[in-house]
Structure formats: structure tokens, C-alpha cells
């Protein structure tokens, strides 16, 4: 099991600026999010559009470090905070499940009399 793309985007953007600036970091752009998460920009765009419609994300064209033109950038709104916390909890749960699975797989199986 793994995190949903929506949760991945929320967690990633929670580590980026929370307000728009004159020049945004590349990581706040559609391209930066797509590259960081290993997803196509179209996938990021569709999910971010849904997040924007839900009021969790603000989208604007902005100047980005190193680019001479403006691109779509994302900033989480305060309304996104509880959803970010839920995504963090789901991530911790998945990490704990993976750790438990590793631990269980390291325990030798008991001797079987039928073999």
C-alpha cells in the first residue's frame, strides 16, 4: 500500500512556501511538483485542480527562480492544514506497517512435521 497522489501532493506542498512571493521556488511550480513526485504534469494539474476547487490550494502564474517566464505555482491554503495532518498520519501508519512486515518476515517459520 502507498499514499495517494493527493496525499503526496499535500505533504510535498506543506514543505513549500505558504504564500505567494515575487519569485517562487521551482518546487512550488507544476513542473517542480511533477518532477519531485515522479508524475506527469497533467496528473499533477488534474489533482491540483480538484484541490483548488475544494479550497485547499491556491493556483497562480508566478515567476520562478531560473525561468524567464511565469508558470503555474501552488500554495496551500489554511483550510488544507487538517488534510495535511491526516496525510502525515497515513504516512506514519504506512511506515509502521512496512516496519512490522519486515519484522514478521525476519521471524523463521516453525518446523513443519509434514516436510
C-alpha atoms as a PDB file:
ATOM      1  CA  UNK A   1       0.000   0.000   0.000  1.00  0.00           C
ATOM      2  CA  UNK A   2       1.130   3.552  -0.584  1.00  0.00           C
ATOM      3  CA  UNK A   3      -0.041   7.115  -0.174  1.00  0.00           C
ATOM      4  CA  UNK A   4      -2.496   8.531  -2.668  1.00  0.00           C
ATOM      5  CA  UNK A   5      -1.145  11.069  -5.136  1.00  0.00           C
ATOM      6  CA  UNK A   6      -3.368  13.645  -3.452  1.00  0.00           C
ATOM      7  CA  UNK A   7      -1.701  12.978  -0.092  1.00  0.00           C
ATOM      8  CA  UNK A   8       1.743  13.061  -1.706  1.00  0.00           C
ATOM      9  CA  UNK A   9       0.993  16.480  -3.201  1.00  0.00           C
ATOM     10  CA  UNK A  10      -0.381  17.827   0.092  1.00  0.00           C
ATOM     11  CA  UNK A  11       2.677  16.636   2.011  1.00  0.00           C
ATOM     12  CA  UNK A  12       5.086  17.958  -0.615  1.00  0.00           C
ATOM     13  CA  UNK A  13       3.445  21.376  -0.786  1.00  0.00           C
ATOM     14  CA  UNK A  14       3.259  21.590   3.011  1.00  0.00           C
ATOM     15  CA  UNK A  15       7.064  21.940   2.908  1.00  0.00           C
ATOM     16  CA  UNK A  16       6.929  24.780   0.369  1.00  0.00           C
ATOM     17  CA  UNK A  17       6.112  28.499   0.853  1.00  0.00           C
ATOM     18  CA  UNK A  18       2.591  29.104   2.196  1.00  0.00           C
ATOM     19  CA  UNK A  19       2.123  32.427   0.421  1.00  0.00           C
ATOM     20  CA  UNK A  20       2.934  33.775  -2.999  1.00  0.00           C
ATOM     21  CA  UNK A  21       6.132  35.780  -3.407  1.00  0.00           C
ATOM     22  CA  UNK A  22       7.541  37.908  -6.204  1.00  0.00           C
ATOM     23  CA  UNK A  23       9.697  34.934  -7.228  1.00  0.00           C
ATOM     24  CA  UNK A  24       8.647  31.425  -6.247  1.00  0.00           C
ATOM     25  CA  UNK A  25      10.964  28.398  -5.894  1.00  0.00           C
ATOM     26  CA  UNK A  26      10.794  25.837  -8.694  1.00  0.00           C
ATOM     27  CA  UNK A  27       9.447  23.289  -6.188  1.00  0.00           C
ATOM     28  CA  UNK A  28       6.213  25.280  -5.899  1.00  0.00           C
ATOM     29  CA  UNK A  29       5.571  25.094  -9.647  1.00  0.00           C
ATOM     30  CA  UNK A  30       3.610  22.471 -11.504  1.00  0.00           C
ATOM     31  CA  UNK A  31       6.830  21.268 -13.119  1.00  0.00           C
ATOM     32  CA  UNK A  32       8.659  21.145  -9.771  1.00  0.00           C
ATOM     33  CA  UNK A  33       5.886  19.152  -8.079  1.00  0.00           C
ATOM     34  CA  UNK A  34       5.704  16.737 -11.014  1.00  0.00           C
ATOM     35  CA  UNK A  35       9.463  16.163 -11.033  1.00  0.00           C
ATOM     36  CA  UNK A  36       9.686  15.756  -7.255  1.00  0.00           C
ATOM     37  CA  UNK A  37       6.873  13.200  -7.161  1.00  0.00           C
ATOM     38  CA  UNK A  38       7.779  11.421 -10.403  1.00  0.00           C
ATOM     39  CA  UNK A  39       4.407  12.132 -12.011  1.00  0.00           C
ATOM     40  CA  UNK A  40       3.335  13.655 -15.313  1.00  0.00           C
ATOM     41  CA  UNK A  41       2.431  17.344 -15.176  1.00  0.00           C
ATOM     42  CA  UNK A  42      -1.041  16.510 -16.469  1.00  0.00           C
ATOM     43  CA  UNK A  43      -1.645  14.229 -13.469  1.00  0.00           C
ATOM     44  CA  UNK A  44      -0.437  16.941 -11.077  1.00  0.00           C
ATOM     45  CA  UNK A  45      -2.612  19.505 -12.838  1.00  0.00           C
ATOM     46  CA  UNK A  46      -5.768  17.375 -12.548  1.00  0.00           C
ATOM     47  CA  UNK A  47      -5.244  16.649  -8.845  1.00  0.00           C
ATOM     48  CA  UNK A  48      -4.328  20.254  -8.067  1.00  0.00           C
ATOM     49  CA  UNK A  49      -7.428  21.471  -9.883  1.00  0.00           C
ATOM     50  CA  UNK A  50      -9.520  19.256  -7.589  1.00  0.00           C
ATOM     51  CA  UNK A  51      -7.634  20.583  -4.538  1.00  0.00           C
ATOM     52  CA  UNK A  52      -8.203  24.146  -5.747  1.00  0.00           C
ATOM     53  CA  UNK A  53     -11.940  23.537  -6.204  1.00  0.00           C
ATOM     54  CA  UNK A  54     -12.054  22.153  -2.655  1.00  0.00           C
ATOM     55  CA  UNK A  55     -10.419  25.351  -1.376  1.00  0.00           C
ATOM     56  CA  UNK A  56      -7.250  23.583  -0.233  1.00  0.00           C
ATOM     57  CA  UNK A  57      -4.926  25.097  -2.794  1.00  0.00           C
ATOM     58  CA  UNK A  58      -4.381  28.444  -4.458  1.00  0.00           C
ATOM     59  CA  UNK A  59      -3.056  28.459  -8.021  1.00  0.00           C
ATOM     60  CA  UNK A  60      -1.408  31.415  -9.751  1.00  0.00           C
ATOM     61  CA  UNK A  61       1.032  32.079 -12.522  1.00  0.00           C
ATOM     62  CA  UNK A  62       4.234  33.363 -10.971  1.00  0.00           C
ATOM     63  CA  UNK A  63       7.876  33.971 -11.752  1.00  0.00           C
ATOM     64  CA  UNK A  64      10.101  31.066 -10.736  1.00  0.00           C
ATOM     65  CA  UNK A  65      13.807  31.023  -9.902  1.00  0.00           C
ATOM     66  CA  UNK A  66      15.804  30.411 -13.068  1.00  0.00           C
ATOM     67  CA  UNK A  67      12.961  30.856 -15.564  1.00  0.00           C
ATOM     68  CA  UNK A  68      12.314  33.922 -17.709  1.00  0.00           C
ATOM     69  CA  UNK A  69       8.557  33.327 -17.926  1.00  0.00           C
ATOM     70  CA  UNK A  70       5.712  32.795 -15.465  1.00  0.00           C
ATOM     71  CA  UNK A  71       4.410  29.306 -14.690  1.00  0.00           C
ATOM     72  CA  UNK A  72       1.624  27.742 -12.632  1.00  0.00           C
ATOM     73  CA  UNK A  73       2.542  27.699  -8.959  1.00  0.00           C
ATOM     74  CA  UNK A  74       0.745  26.211  -5.982  1.00  0.00           C
ATOM     75  CA  UNK A  75       0.325  27.346  -2.378  1.00  0.00           C
ATOM     76  CA  UNK A  76      -1.704  25.500   0.256  1.00  0.00           C
ATOM     77  CA  UNK A  77      -4.479  27.445   1.964  1.00  0.00           C
ATOM     78  CA  UNK A  78      -5.092  27.350   5.734  1.00  0.00           C
ATOM     79  CA  UNK A  79      -8.075  25.085   5.004  1.00  0.00           C
ATOM     80  CA  UNK A  80      -5.589  22.401   3.884  1.00  0.00           C
ATOM     81  CA  UNK A  81      -3.987  22.012   7.338  1.00  0.00           C
ATOM     82  CA  UNK A  82      -6.269  19.229   8.680  1.00  0.00           C
ATOM     83  CA  UNK A  83      -5.839  17.320   5.421  1.00  0.00           C
ATOM     84  CA  UNK A  84      -2.060  17.648   5.630  1.00  0.00           C
ATOM     85  CA  UNK A  85      -2.180  16.279   9.207  1.00  0.00           C
ATOM     86  CA  UNK A  86      -4.283  13.317   8.038  1.00  0.00           C
ATOM     87  CA  UNK A  87      -1.819  12.627   5.226  1.00  0.00           C
ATOM     88  CA  UNK A  88       1.045  12.724   7.759  1.00  0.00           C
ATOM     89  CA  UNK A  89      -0.798  10.222   9.941  1.00  0.00           C
ATOM     90  CA  UNK A  90      -1.433   7.931   6.954  1.00  0.00           C
ATOM     91  CA  UNK A  91       2.262   8.122   6.047  1.00  0.00           C
ATOM     92  CA  UNK A  92       3.278   7.165   9.595  1.00  0.00           C
ATOM     93  CA  UNK A  93       0.826   4.268   9.524  1.00  0.00           C
ATOM     94  CA  UNK A  94       2.213   3.011   6.208  1.00  0.00           C
ATOM     95  CA  UNK A  95       5.766   3.274   7.548  1.00  0.00           C
ATOM     96  CA  UNK A  96       4.786   1.331  10.677  1.00  0.00           C
ATOM     97  CA  UNK A  97       3.063  -1.343   8.575  1.00  0.00           C
ATOM     98  CA  UNK A  98       6.170  -1.716   6.406  1.00  0.00           C
ATOM     99  CA  UNK A  99       8.355  -1.985   9.503  1.00  0.00           C
ATOM    100  CA  UNK A 100       6.063  -4.623  11.003  1.00  0.00           C
ATOM    101  CA  UNK A 101       6.027  -6.554   7.740  1.00  0.00           C
ATOM    102  CA  UNK A 102       9.843  -6.531   7.645  1.00  0.00           C
ATOM    103  CA  UNK A 103       9.972  -7.688  11.248  1.00  0.00           C
ATOM    104  CA  UNK A 104       7.500 -10.517  10.664  1.00  0.00           C
ATOM    105  CA  UNK A 105       9.328 -11.704   7.559  1.00  0.00           C
ATOM    106  CA  UNK A 106      12.549 -11.990   9.562  1.00  0.00           C
ATOM    107  CA  UNK A 107      10.989 -14.461  12.013  1.00  0.00           C
ATOM    108  CA  UNK A 108      11.780 -18.025  10.946  1.00  0.00           C
ATOM    109  CA  UNK A 109       8.810 -20.272  10.278  1.00  0.00           C
ATOM    110  CA  UNK A 110       8.364 -23.116  12.772  1.00  0.00           C
ATOM    111  CA  UNK A 111       9.477 -26.594  11.811  1.00  0.00           C
ATOM    112  CA  UNK A 112       6.782 -28.329   9.824  1.00  0.00           C
ATOM    113  CA  UNK A 113       6.353 -32.056  10.523  1.00  0.00           C
ATOM    114  CA  UNK A 114       4.802 -32.763   7.118  1.00  0.00           C
ATOM    115  CA  UNK A 115       8.042 -31.968   5.248  1.00  0.00           C
END
